[in-house]
Amino acid sequence: MNLFRSEEHIARWLGDREPGATISIAKLSELAQAWWDDRLAPDCRPHTREQNAGILERLGLVGEFWTLP
């Protein structure tokens, strides 16, 4: 993961390379909250692949990059 100030900063860093997926810090925060929010609960169980895929879809993180194996 790399953090950048702007789309222009990303373009400079990439040079001629193709970009991967990019999301804002706000979206990253939403993802972290959704992914880890229940982890300290005494009855916490690991998420299933389907639950994790649901989190990504609910947050609008769809497409080839976000498809879980």
N, C-alpha and C. Protein backbone atom coordinates (compact mmCIF):
# COMPACT_ATOMS: atom_id res chain seq x y z
N MET A 1 0.85 -1.16 0.00
CA MET A 1 0.00 0.00 0.00
C MET A 1 0.89 1.23 0.00
N ASN A 2 0.53 2.16 -0.83
CA ASN A 2 1.21 3.46 -0.89
C ASN A 2 0.18 4.56 -0.69
N LEU A 3 0.57 5.59 0.01
CA LEU A 3 -0.30 6.74 0.22
C LEU A 3 0.21 7.91 -0.61
N PHE A 4 -0.71 8.60 -1.29
CA PHE A 4 -0.36 9.71 -2.16
C PHE A 4 -1.20 10.93 -1.83
N ARG A 5 -0.69 12.11 -2.15
CA ARG A 5 -1.38 13.37 -1.89
C ARG A 5 -2.49 13.64 -2.89
N SER A 6 -2.33 13.16 -4.13
CA SER A 6 -3.28 13.52 -5.18
C SER A 6 -3.17 12.55 -6.35
N GLU A 7 -4.12 12.68 -7.27
CA GLU A 7 -4.08 11.88 -8.50
C GLU A 7 -2.81 12.21 -9.30
N GLU A 8 -2.42 13.47 -9.29
CA GLU A 8 -1.21 13.89 -10.00
C GLU A 8 0.03 13.23 -9.41
N HIS A 9 0.06 13.14 -8.09
CA HIS A 9 1.17 12.49 -7.41
C HIS A 9 1.23 11.02 -7.81
N ILE A 10 0.09 10.37 -7.90
CA ILE A 10 0.04 8.97 -8.34
C ILE A 10 0.61 8.84 -9.75
N ALA A 11 0.17 9.71 -10.64
CA ALA A 11 0.62 9.66 -12.04
C ALA A 11 2.14 9.84 -12.13
N ARG A 12 2.68 10.78 -11.36
CA ARG A 12 4.14 10.99 -11.38
C ARG A 12 4.86 9.75 -10.87
N TRP A 13 4.36 9.16 -9.79
CA TRP A 13 4.99 7.99 -9.20
C TRP A 13 4.94 6.80 -10.15
N LEU A 14 3.82 6.63 -10.85
CA LEU A 14 3.66 5.50 -11.76
C LEU A 14 4.55 5.60 -13.00
N GLY A 15 4.76 6.81 -13.48
CA GLY A 15 5.51 6.95 -14.73
C GLY A 15 4.72 6.29 -15.85
N ASP A 16 5.31 5.34 -16.54
CA ASP A 16 4.66 4.64 -17.64
C ASP A 16 3.91 3.38 -17.22
N ARG A 17 3.95 3.04 -15.94
CA ARG A 17 3.30 1.82 -15.47
C ARG A 17 1.80 2.01 -15.37
N GLU A 18 1.07 0.92 -15.48
CA GLU A 18 -0.39 0.94 -15.34
C GLU A 18 -0.75 1.02 -13.86
N PRO A 19 -1.76 1.81 -13.51
CA PRO A 19 -2.17 1.89 -12.10
C PRO A 19 -2.94 0.65 -11.67
N GLY A 20 -2.85 0.35 -10.40
CA GLY A 20 -3.70 -0.67 -9.80
C GLY A 20 -4.95 0.01 -9.27
N ALA A 21 -5.55 -0.58 -8.27
CA ALA A 21 -6.73 0.01 -7.66
C ALA A 21 -6.30 1.15 -6.73
N THR A 22 -7.05 2.22 -6.74
CA THR A 22 -6.80 3.32 -5.82
C THR A 22 -8.10 3.66 -5.10
N ILE A 23 -7.97 3.98 -3.82
CA ILE A 23 -9.12 4.41 -3.02
C ILE A 23 -8.67 5.57 -2.15
N SER A 24 -9.63 6.33 -1.71
CA SER A 24 -9.32 7.47 -0.84
C SER A 24 -9.04 6.98 0.59
N ILE A 25 -8.45 7.84 1.37
CA ILE A 25 -8.23 7.53 2.79
C ILE A 25 -9.57 7.30 3.49
N ALA A 26 -10.57 8.09 3.11
CA ALA A 26 -11.90 7.92 3.70
C ALA A 26 -12.45 6.52 3.42
N LYS A 27 -12.29 6.04 2.18
CA LYS A 27 -12.78 4.70 1.83
C LYS A 27 -11.95 3.64 2.54
N LEU A 28 -10.65 3.86 2.67
CA LEU A 28 -9.80 2.93 3.40
C LEU A 28 -10.25 2.82 4.85
N SER A 29 -10.61 3.95 5.44
CA SER A 29 -11.11 3.96 6.81
C SER A 29 -12.42 3.18 6.92
N GLU A 30 -13.31 3.38 5.95
CA GLU A 30 -14.57 2.60 5.93
C GLU A 30 -14.29 1.12 5.84
N LEU A 31 -13.35 0.75 4.97
CA LEU A 31 -13.00 -0.66 4.81
C LEU A 31 -12.44 -1.24 6.10
N ALA A 32 -11.52 -0.53 6.72
CA ALA A 32 -10.93 -1.01 7.98
C ALA A 32 -12.00 -1.18 9.05
N GLN A 33 -12.89 -0.21 9.15
CA GLN A 33 -13.97 -0.29 10.14
C GLN A 33 -14.84 -1.51 9.89
N ALA A 34 -15.26 -1.71 8.65
CA ALA A 34 -16.14 -2.83 8.33
C ALA A 34 -15.42 -4.18 8.51
N TRP A 35 -14.15 -4.22 8.17
CA TRP A 35 -13.39 -5.48 8.18
C TRP A 35 -13.02 -5.90 9.60
N TRP A 36 -12.69 -4.93 10.46
CA TRP A 36 -12.13 -5.24 11.77
C TRP A 36 -13.00 -4.87 12.95
N ASP A 37 -14.15 -4.24 12.75
CA ASP A 37 -14.97 -3.71 13.83
C ASP A 37 -15.35 -4.74 14.88
N ASP A 38 -15.62 -5.96 14.48
CA ASP A 38 -16.10 -6.98 15.42
C ASP A 38 -14.99 -7.83 16.01
N ARG A 39 -13.76 -7.56 15.72
CA ARG A 39 -12.65 -8.45 16.10
C ARG A 39 -12.39 -8.51 17.61
N LEU A 40 -12.78 -7.50 18.35
CA LEU A 40 -12.54 -7.53 19.80
C LEU A 40 -13.72 -8.09 20.59
N ALA A 41 -14.80 -8.43 19.90
CA ALA A 41 -15.96 -9.00 20.59
C ALA A 41 -15.60 -10.39 21.13
N PRO A 42 -16.04 -10.70 22.33
CA PRO A 42 -15.69 -11.99 22.93
C PRO A 42 -16.14 -13.19 22.07
N ASP A 43 -17.23 -13.04 21.34
CA ASP A 43 -17.74 -14.15 20.53
C ASP A 43 -17.34 -14.03 19.05
N CYS A 44 -16.32 -13.25 18.78
CA CYS A 44 -15.89 -13.03 17.40
C CYS A 44 -15.44 -14.33 16.75
N ARG A 45 -15.87 -14.52 15.54
CA ARG A 45 -15.45 -15.64 14.71
C ARG A 45 -14.88 -15.06 13.41
N PRO A 46 -13.89 -15.72 12.83
CA PRO A 46 -13.36 -15.21 11.55
C PRO A 46 -14.47 -15.09 10.52
N HIS A 47 -14.39 -14.04 9.71
CA HIS A 47 -15.36 -13.86 8.64
C HIS A 47 -15.18 -14.94 7.59
N THR A 48 -16.27 -15.32 6.99
CA THR A 48 -16.20 -16.23 5.86
C THR A 48 -15.80 -15.44 4.61
N ARG A 49 -15.41 -16.14 3.58
CA ARG A 49 -15.10 -15.49 2.32
C ARG A 49 -16.31 -14.70 1.83
N GLU A 50 -17.49 -15.28 1.98
CA GLU A 50 -18.72 -14.62 1.54
C GLU A 50 -18.98 -13.34 2.33
N GLN A 51 -18.73 -13.36 3.63
CA GLN A 51 -18.90 -12.15 4.43
C GLN A 51 -17.92 -11.06 3.99
N ASN A 52 -16.67 -11.45 3.77
CA ASN A 52 -15.68 -10.48 3.33
C ASN A 52 -16.02 -9.93 1.95
N ALA A 53 -16.48 -10.78 1.05
CA ALA A 53 -16.90 -10.32 -0.28
C ALA A 53 -18.07 -9.36 -0.15
N GLY A 54 -18.98 -9.63 0.78
CA GLY A 54 -20.11 -8.75 1.03
C GLY A 54 -19.68 -7.38 1.53
N ILE A 55 -18.67 -7.34 2.38
CA ILE A 55 -18.13 -6.07 2.86
C ILE A 55 -17.61 -5.26 1.68
N LEU A 56 -16.81 -5.88 0.85
CA LEU A 56 -16.25 -5.18 -0.30
C LEU A 56 -17.34 -4.66 -1.22
N GLU A 57 -18.33 -5.49 -1.49
CA GLU A 57 -19.42 -5.08 -2.38
C GLU A 57 -20.22 -3.93 -1.78
N ARG A 58 -20.52 -4.04 -0.48
CA ARG A 58 -21.30 -2.99 0.19
C ARG A 58 -20.58 -1.64 0.13
N LEU A 59 -19.26 -1.67 0.15
CA LEU A 59 -18.48 -0.44 0.11
C LEU A 59 -18.20 0.02 -1.32
N GLY A 60 -18.72 -0.73 -2.30
CA GLY A 60 -18.53 -0.35 -3.69
C GLY A 60 -17.17 -0.74 -4.24
N LEU A 61 -16.47 -1.61 -3.54
CA LEU A 61 -15.15 -2.06 -3.98
C LEU A 61 -15.35 -3.34 -4.79
N VAL A 62 -15.62 -3.15 -6.06
CA VAL A 62 -15.95 -4.26 -6.95
C VAL A 62 -15.00 -4.24 -8.15
N GLY A 63 -14.98 -5.32 -8.86
CA GLY A 63 -14.11 -5.44 -10.03
C GLY A 63 -13.04 -6.48 -9.78
N GLU A 64 -12.24 -6.70 -10.80
CA GLU A 64 -11.24 -7.76 -10.76
C GLU A 64 -10.28 -7.63 -9.57
N PHE A 65 -9.80 -6.43 -9.30
CA PHE A 65 -8.86 -6.23 -8.21
C PHE A 65 -9.44 -6.68 -6.86
N TRP A 66 -10.71 -6.41 -6.66
CA TRP A 66 -11.34 -6.65 -5.35
C TRP A 66 -11.98 -8.03 -5.23
N THR A 67 -11.92 -8.85 -6.27
CA THR A 67 -12.49 -10.20 -6.21
C THR A 67 -11.58 -11.09 -5.38
N LEU A 68 -12.15 -11.70 -4.35
CA LEU A 68 -11.37 -12.56 -3.48
C LEU A 68 -11.15 -13.92 -4.13
N PRO A 69 -10.00 -14.53 -3.88
CA PRO A 69 -9.73 -15.86 -4.48
C PRO A 69 -10.61 -16.93 -3.89
